[in-house]
């Protein structure tokens, strides 16, 4: 194992960077999409059941099946990986964003309106900061889930550590099969822990002291 890592450490670091970059960019895109959809849902309450159903049903779709559907449409490589990871990353954030934004007191929003704030100012200065801890909780769940989905995206020849895992499984019984599988799996776990720690720090730094748990 040590010799394997020593021989391939540059490739391992490069693939780790690719994996983390894929997840980070997809989660960022998912956060923007989820918050935009949550704003729409909170302003049109009739859409809330549909949003909840989308979040619930979307998570039951196997990632292999989604990739299989994407391959004929967008080909292989990074694009189907980004689409798949972003799709799954959006669902937990959307659910939490709807809950967080809906949970802001109407009285508080009316007070802000009475102070002369427009709808955009109320959202940015009142509603979003109050809902932020709940949204960040969903974002952390999303990031952890996305790490695994990004590994499975190797099925579509996507970037990251997934190819190491698939190579190990494909070469069972071979000299380095276990090394490939272990390095890929442990690498994903380490990246997931590091990203979660970073998001926890971001959550603490961006949450107002008055509502910080």
C-alpha atoms as a PDB file:
ATOM      1  CA  UNK A   1       0.000   0.000   0.000  1.00  0.00           C
ATOM      2  CA  UNK A   2       2.788   2.412   0.964  1.00  0.00           C
ATOM      3  CA  UNK A   3       4.757   1.660  -2.193  1.00  0.00           C
ATOM      4  CA  UNK A   4       1.604   2.070  -4.282  1.00  0.00           C
ATOM      5  CA  UNK A   5       0.886   5.510  -2.810  1.00  0.00           C
ATOM      6  CA  UNK A   6       4.528   6.570  -3.107  1.00  0.00           C
ATOM      7  CA  UNK A   7       4.547   5.578  -6.762  1.00  0.00           C
ATOM      8  CA  UNK A   8       1.253   7.291  -7.631  1.00  0.00           C
ATOM      9  CA  UNK A   9       1.070  10.180  -5.148  1.00  0.00           C
ATOM     10  CA  UNK A  10       1.034  12.858  -7.848  1.00  0.00           C
ATOM     11  CA  UNK A  11      -1.842  11.186  -9.691  1.00  0.00           C
ATOM     12  CA  UNK A  12      -3.680  10.642  -6.401  1.00  0.00           C
ATOM     13  CA  UNK A  13      -3.349  14.324  -5.478  1.00  0.00           C
ATOM     14  CA  UNK A  14      -4.479  15.404  -8.949  1.00  0.00           C
ATOM     15  CA  UNK A  15      -7.511  13.116  -8.875  1.00  0.00           C
ATOM     16  CA  UNK A  16      -8.325  14.267  -5.329  1.00  0.00           C
ATOM     17  CA  UNK A  17      -8.281  17.877  -6.528  1.00  0.00           C
ATOM     18  CA  UNK A  18     -10.518  16.926  -9.471  1.00  0.00           C
ATOM     19  CA  UNK A  19     -12.943  15.151  -7.134  1.00  0.00           C
ATOM     20  CA  UNK A  20     -13.125  18.024  -4.678  1.00  0.00           C
ATOM     21  CA  UNK A  21     -13.462  20.562  -7.496  1.00  0.00           C
ATOM     22  CA  UNK A  22     -16.311  18.605  -9.110  1.00  0.00           C
ATOM     23  CA  UNK A  23     -18.201  18.388  -5.821  1.00  0.00           C
ATOM     24  CA  UNK A  24     -17.550  22.000  -4.778  1.00  0.00           C
ATOM     25  CA  UNK A  25     -18.634  23.469  -8.112  1.00  0.00           C
ATOM     26  CA  UNK A  26     -21.692  21.222  -8.356  1.00  0.00           C
ATOM     27  CA  UNK A  27     -22.787  21.999  -4.787  1.00  0.00           C
ATOM     28  CA  UNK A  28     -22.332  25.734  -5.400  1.00  0.00           C
ATOM     29  CA  UNK A  29     -24.478  25.511  -8.535  1.00  0.00           C
ATOM     30  CA  UNK A  30     -27.013  23.359  -6.666  1.00  0.00           C
ATOM     31  CA  UNK A  31     -27.208  25.920  -3.855  1.00  0.00           C
ATOM     32  CA  UNK A  32     -28.049  28.723  -6.292  1.00  0.00           C
ATOM     33  CA  UNK A  33     -30.696  26.587  -8.022  1.00  0.00           C
ATOM     34  CA  UNK A  34     -32.188  25.351  -4.742  1.00  0.00           C
ATOM     35  CA  UNK A  35     -32.469  28.791  -3.139  1.00  0.00           C
ATOM     36  CA  UNK A  36     -34.031  30.239  -6.312  1.00  0.00           C
ATOM     37  CA  UNK A  37     -36.596  27.423  -6.374  1.00  0.00           C
ATOM     38  CA  UNK A  38     -37.231  27.795  -2.622  1.00  0.00           C
ATOM     39  CA  UNK A  39     -37.949  31.506  -3.055  1.00  0.00           C
ATOM     40  CA  UNK A  40     -40.452  30.655  -5.777  1.00  0.00           C
ATOM     41  CA  UNK A  41     -42.067  27.983  -3.592  1.00  0.00           C
ATOM     42  CA  UNK A  42     -42.397  30.291  -0.584  1.00  0.00           C
ATOM     43  CA  UNK A  43     -44.027  32.963  -2.742  1.00  0.00           C
ATOM     44  CA  UNK A  44     -46.345  30.462  -4.439  1.00  0.00           C
ATOM     45  CA  UNK A  45     -47.382  28.111  -1.591  1.00  0.00           C
ATOM     46  CA  UNK A  46     -49.268  25.842  -4.013  1.00  0.00           C
ATOM     47  CA  UNK A  47     -45.866  24.665  -5.285  1.00  0.00           C
ATOM     48  CA  UNK A  48     -44.702  23.406  -1.885  1.00  0.00           C
ATOM     49  CA  UNK A  49     -46.161  19.858  -2.245  1.00  0.00           C
ATOM     50  CA  UNK A  50     -44.520  19.570  -5.665  1.00  0.00           C
ATOM     51  CA  UNK A  51     -41.149  20.670  -4.251  1.00  0.00           C
ATOM     52  CA  UNK A  52     -41.412  18.170  -1.402  1.00  0.00           C
ATOM     53  CA  UNK A  53     -42.353  15.406  -3.833  1.00  0.00           C
ATOM     54  CA  UNK A  54     -39.432  16.290  -6.108  1.00  0.00           C
ATOM     55  CA  UNK A  55     -37.008  16.128  -3.183  1.00  0.00           C
ATOM     56  CA  UNK A  56     -38.382  12.786  -2.019  1.00  0.00           C
ATOM     57  CA  UNK A  57     -38.665  11.080  -5.399  1.00  0.00           C
ATOM     58  CA  UNK A  58     -35.408  12.501  -6.762  1.00  0.00           C
ATOM     59  CA  UNK A  59     -33.383  10.844  -4.009  1.00  0.00           C
ATOM     60  CA  UNK A  60     -34.849   7.429  -4.893  1.00  0.00           C
ATOM     61  CA  UNK A  61     -33.483   7.537  -8.454  1.00  0.00           C
ATOM     62  CA  UNK A  62     -30.320   5.373  -8.602  1.00  0.00           C
ATOM     63  CA  UNK A  63     -27.305   7.390  -9.702  1.00  0.00           C
ATOM     64  CA  UNK A  64     -26.310   4.666 -12.185  1.00  0.00           C
ATOM     65  CA  UNK A  65     -29.732   4.935 -13.804  1.00  0.00           C
ATOM     66  CA  UNK A  66     -29.475   8.721 -14.087  1.00  0.00           C
ATOM     67  CA  UNK A  67     -26.014   8.477 -15.629  1.00  0.00           C
ATOM     68  CA  UNK A  68     -27.334   5.865 -18.044  1.00  0.00           C
ATOM     69  CA  UNK A  69     -30.008   8.302 -19.168  1.00  0.00           C
ATOM     70  CA  UNK A  70     -27.535  11.172 -19.490  1.00  0.00           C
ATOM     71  CA  UNK A  71     -24.894   9.372 -21.540  1.00  0.00           C
ATOM     72  CA  UNK A  72     -26.908   9.222 -24.806  1.00  0.00           C
ATOM     73  CA  UNK A  73     -27.888  12.878 -24.358  1.00  0.00           C
ATOM     74  CA  UNK A  74     -24.625  14.594 -23.365  1.00  0.00           C
ATOM     75  CA  UNK A  75     -21.947  11.963 -23.972  1.00  0.00           C
ATOM     76  CA  UNK A  76     -19.194  10.888 -21.587  1.00  0.00           C
ATOM     77  CA  UNK A  77     -16.769  12.905 -19.480  1.00  0.00           C
ATOM     78  CA  UNK A  78     -17.193  15.782 -17.075  1.00  0.00           C
ATOM     79  CA  UNK A  79     -20.576  17.094 -18.281  1.00  0.00           C
ATOM     80  CA  UNK A  80     -22.775  14.122 -17.272  1.00  0.00           C
ATOM     81  CA  UNK A  81     -20.869  13.982 -13.982  1.00  0.00           C
ATOM     82  CA  UNK A  82     -21.592  17.647 -13.232  1.00  0.00           C
ATOM     83  CA  UNK A  83     -25.266  17.256 -14.172  1.00  0.00           C
ATOM     84  CA  UNK A  84     -25.706  14.136 -12.018  1.00  0.00           C
ATOM     85  CA  UNK A  85     -23.896  15.536  -8.972  1.00  0.00           C
ATOM     86  CA  UNK A  86     -25.728  18.866  -9.248  1.00  0.00           C
ATOM     87  CA  UNK A  87     -29.094  17.109  -9.523  1.00  0.00           C
ATOM     88  CA  UNK A  88     -28.600  15.083  -6.351  1.00  0.00           C
ATOM     89  CA  UNK A  89     -26.932  17.986  -4.527  1.00  0.00           C
ATOM     90  CA  UNK A  90     -29.926  20.249  -5.182  1.00  0.00           C
ATOM     91  CA  UNK A  91     -32.483  18.021  -3.459  1.00  0.00           C
ATOM     92  CA  UNK A  92     -31.425  18.255   0.247  1.00  0.00           C
ATOM     93  CA  UNK A  93     -30.664  21.952  -0.087  1.00  0.00           C
ATOM     94  CA  UNK A  94     -34.057  22.604  -1.702  1.00  0.00           C
ATOM     95  CA  UNK A  95     -35.894  20.785   1.075  1.00  0.00           C
ATOM     96  CA  UNK A  96     -34.052  22.659   3.824  1.00  0.00           C
ATOM     97  CA  UNK A  97     -34.289  25.999   2.020  1.00  0.00           C
ATOM     98  CA  UNK A  98     -38.068  25.670   1.740  1.00  0.00           C
ATOM     99  CA  UNK A  99     -38.312  24.780   5.435  1.00  0.00           C
ATOM    100  CA  UNK A 100     -35.962  27.578   6.481  1.00  0.00           C
ATOM    101  CA  UNK A 101     -37.530  30.331   4.390  1.00  0.00           C
ATOM    102  CA  UNK A 102     -41.075  29.249   5.291  1.00  0.00           C
ATOM    103  CA  UNK A 103     -40.164  29.283   8.970  1.00  0.00           C
ATOM    104  CA  UNK A 104     -39.334  32.980   9.092  1.00  0.00           C
ATOM    105  CA  UNK A 105     -41.979  34.786  11.128  1.00  0.00           C
ATOM    106  CA  UNK A 106     -44.480  36.723   8.958  1.00  0.00           C
ATOM    107  CA  UNK A 107     -44.572  39.332  11.725  1.00  0.00           C
ATOM    108  CA  UNK A 108     -40.854  39.893  11.307  1.00  0.00           C
ATOM    109  CA  UNK A 109     -41.260  40.305   7.556  1.00  0.00           C
ATOM    110  CA  UNK A 110     -44.154  42.724   8.062  1.00  0.00           C
ATOM    111  CA  UNK A 111     -42.007  44.765  10.449  1.00  0.00           C
ATOM    112  CA  UNK A 112     -39.258  44.917   7.849  1.00  0.00           C
ATOM    113  CA  UNK A 113     -41.794  45.991   5.257  1.00  0.00           C
ATOM    114  CA  UNK A 114     -43.025  48.685   7.611  1.00  0.00           C
ATOM    115  CA  UNK A 115     -39.465  49.978   7.879  1.00  0.00           C
ATOM    116  CA  UNK A 116     -39.503  50.602   4.141  1.00  0.00           C
ATOM    117  CA  UNK A 117     -37.656  47.513   2.930  1.00  0.00           C
ATOM    118  CA  UNK A 118     -38.562  46.219  -0.500  1.00  0.00           C
ATOM    119  CA  UNK A 119     -39.008  42.520  -1.261  1.00  0.00           C
ATOM    120  CA  UNK A 120     -35.360  42.053  -2.286  1.00  0.00           C
ATOM    121  CA  UNK A 121     -34.057  43.802   0.816  1.00  0.00           C
ATOM    122  CA  UNK A 122     -36.394  41.764   3.046  1.00  0.00           C
ATOM    123  CA  UNK A 123     -35.114  38.564   1.475  1.00  0.00           C
ATOM    124  CA  UNK A 124     -31.412  39.450   1.684  1.00  0.00           C
ATOM    125  CA  UNK A 125     -31.430  41.176   5.093  1.00  0.00           C
ATOM    126  CA  UNK A 126     -34.119  39.278   6.988  1.00  0.00           C
ATOM    127  CA  UNK A 127     -35.411  36.089   5.420  1.00  0.00           C
ATOM    128  CA  UNK A 128     -32.165  34.582   4.095  1.00  0.00           C
ATOM    129  CA  UNK A 129     -30.078  35.290   7.235  1.00  0.00           C
ATOM    130  CA  UNK A 130     -32.803  33.781   9.453  1.00  0.00           C
ATOM    131  CA  UNK A 131     -33.057  30.673   7.266  1.00  0.00           C
ATOM    132  CA  UNK A 132     -29.315  30.364   6.697  1.00  0.00           C
ATOM    133  CA  UNK A 133     -28.521  27.824   9.487  1.00  0.00           C
ATOM    134  CA  UNK A 134     -31.178  25.451   8.138  1.00  0.00           C
ATOM    135  CA  UNK A 135     -29.954  25.939   4.572  1.00  0.00           C
ATOM    136  CA  UNK A 136     -26.359  25.269   5.636  1.00  0.00           C
ATOM    137  CA  UNK A 137     -27.430  22.047   7.342  1.00  0.00           C
ATOM    138  CA  UNK A 138     -28.915  20.893   4.045  1.00  0.00           C
ATOM    139  CA  UNK A 139     -25.807  22.033   2.198  1.00  0.00           C
ATOM    140  CA  UNK A 140     -23.580  19.915   4.446  1.00  0.00           C
ATOM    141  CA  UNK A 141     -25.753  16.852   3.857  1.00  0.00           C
ATOM    142  CA  UNK A 142     -25.680  17.605   0.149  1.00  0.00           C
ATOM    143  CA  UNK A 143     -21.880  17.865   0.077  1.00  0.00           C
ATOM    144  CA  UNK A 144     -21.426  14.514   1.813  1.00  0.00           C
ATOM    145  CA  UNK A 145     -23.858  12.785  -0.533  1.00  0.00           C
ATOM    146  CA  UNK A 146     -22.237  14.422  -3.553  1.00  0.00           C
ATOM    147  CA  UNK A 147     -18.853  12.923  -2.673  1.00  0.00           C
ATOM    148  CA  UNK A 148     -20.277   9.451  -3.215  1.00  0.00           C
ATOM    149  CA  UNK A 149     -22.178  10.407  -6.347  1.00  0.00           C
ATOM    150  CA  UNK A 150     -19.016  11.950  -7.813  1.00  0.00           C
ATOM    151  CA  UNK A 151     -17.222   8.638  -7.283  1.00  0.00           C
ATOM    152  CA  UNK A 152     -19.988   6.762  -9.109  1.00  0.00           C
ATOM    153  CA  UNK A 153     -19.700   9.306 -11.938  1.00  0.00           C
ATOM    154  CA  UNK A 154     -16.540   7.453 -12.982  1.00  0.00           C
ATOM    155  CA  UNK A 155     -18.997   5.195 -14.798  1.00  0.00           C
ATOM    156  CA  UNK A 156     -19.328   8.054 -17.297  1.00  0.00           C
ATOM    157  CA  UNK A 157     -15.532   8.536 -17.344  1.00  0.00           C
ATOM    158  CA  UNK A 158     -15.894  11.550 -15.076  1.00  0.00           C
ATOM    159  CA  UNK A 159     -12.982  13.091 -13.174  1.00  0.00           C
ATOM    160  CA  UNK A 160     -11.966  12.301  -9.606  1.00  0.00           C
ATOM    161  CA  UNK A 161     -11.147   9.291  -7.472  1.00  0.00           C
ATOM    162  CA  UNK A 162     -13.966   7.126  -8.784  1.00  0.00           C
ATOM    163  CA  UNK A 163     -11.808   5.502 -11.511  1.00  0.00           C
ATOM    164  CA  UNK A 164      -9.505   4.152  -8.804  1.00  0.00           C
ATOM    165  CA  UNK A 165     -12.429   2.400  -7.126  1.00  0.00           C
ATOM    166  CA  UNK A 166     -13.754   1.007 -10.405  1.00  0.00           C
ATOM    167  CA  UNK A 167     -10.262  -0.114 -11.437  1.00  0.00           C
ATOM    168  CA  UNK A 168      -9.842  -1.968  -8.149  1.00  0.00           C
ATOM    169  CA  UNK A 169     -13.190  -3.707  -8.548  1.00  0.00           C
ATOM    170  CA  UNK A 170     -12.466  -4.598 -12.172  1.00  0.00           C
ATOM    171  CA  UNK A 171      -9.076  -6.103 -11.293  1.00  0.00           C
ATOM    172  CA  UNK A 172     -10.159  -8.218  -8.303  1.00  0.00           C
ATOM    173  CA  UNK A 173      -7.434 -10.769  -7.711  1.00  0.00           C
ATOM    174  CA  UNK A 174      -4.813  -8.590  -9.401  1.00  0.00           C
ATOM    175  CA  UNK A 175      -1.665  -7.312  -7.710  1.00  0.00           C
ATOM    176  CA  UNK A 176      -2.897  -3.753  -7.088  1.00  0.00           C
ATOM    177  CA  UNK A 177      -6.663  -4.273  -7.091  1.00  0.00           C
ATOM    178  CA  UNK A 178      -6.994  -3.775  -3.332  1.00  0.00           C
ATOM    179  CA  UNK A 179      -4.648  -0.790  -3.378  1.00  0.00           C
ATOM    180  CA  UNK A 180      -6.673   0.963  -6.072  1.00  0.00           C
ATOM    181  CA  UNK A 181      -9.958   0.339  -4.254  1.00  0.00           C
ATOM    182  CA  UNK A 182      -8.626   1.370  -0.833  1.00  0.00           C
ATOM    183  CA  UNK A 183      -6.906   4.536  -2.062  1.00  0.00           C
ATOM    184  CA  UNK A 184     -10.017   5.602  -3.951  1.00  0.00           C
ATOM    185  CA  UNK A 185     -12.385   4.859  -1.082  1.00  0.00           C
ATOM    186  CA  UNK A 186     -10.238   6.342   1.688  1.00  0.00           C
ATOM    187  CA  UNK A 187      -9.526   9.376  -0.473  1.00  0.00           C
ATOM    188  CA  UNK A 188     -13.246  10.054  -0.876  1.00  0.00           C
ATOM    189  CA  UNK A 189     -13.791   9.655   2.886  1.00  0.00           C
ATOM    190  CA  UNK A 190     -10.940  12.057   3.747  1.00  0.00           C
ATOM    191  CA  UNK A 191     -12.174  14.648   1.245  1.00  0.00           C
ATOM    192  CA  UNK A 192     -15.712  14.353   2.619  1.00  0.00           C
ATOM    193  CA  UNK A 193     -14.477  14.997   6.174  1.00  0.00           C
ATOM    194  CA  UNK A 194     -12.353  17.965   5.087  1.00  0.00           C
ATOM    195  CA  UNK A 195     -15.191  19.513   3.097  1.00  0.00           C
ATOM    196  CA  UNK A 196     -17.645  19.043   5.970  1.00  0.00           C
ATOM    197  CA  UNK A 197     -15.218  20.737   8.368  1.00  0.00           C
ATOM    198  CA  UNK A 198     -14.806  23.632   5.928  1.00  0.00           C
ATOM    199  CA  UNK A 199     -18.590  24.010   5.535  1.00  0.00           C
ATOM    200  CA  UNK A 200     -19.060  23.907   9.306  1.00  0.00           C
ATOM    201  CA  UNK A 201     -16.570  26.754   9.638  1.00  0.00           C
ATOM    202  CA  UNK A 202     -18.315  28.702   6.863  1.00  0.00           C
ATOM    203  CA  UNK A 203     -21.647  28.141   8.596  1.00  0.00           C
ATOM    204  CA  UNK A 204     -20.340  29.538  11.884  1.00  0.00           C
ATOM    205  CA  UNK A 205     -18.718  32.542  10.215  1.00  0.00           C
ATOM    206  CA  UNK A 206     -21.762  33.436   8.110  1.00  0.00           C
ATOM    207  CA  UNK A 207     -24.506  32.863  10.701  1.00  0.00           C
ATOM    208  CA  UNK A 208     -25.618  35.893  12.698  1.00  0.00           C
ATOM    209  CA  UNK A 209     -24.535  35.684  16.335  1.00  0.00           C
ATOM    210  CA  UNK A 210     -28.102  36.270  17.513  1.00  0.00           C
ATOM    211  CA  UNK A 211     -29.369  33.026  15.964  1.00  0.00           C
ATOM    212  CA  UNK A 212     -26.220  30.917  16.238  1.00  0.00           C
ATOM    213  CA  UNK A 213     -26.805  27.703  18.172  1.00  0.00           C
END
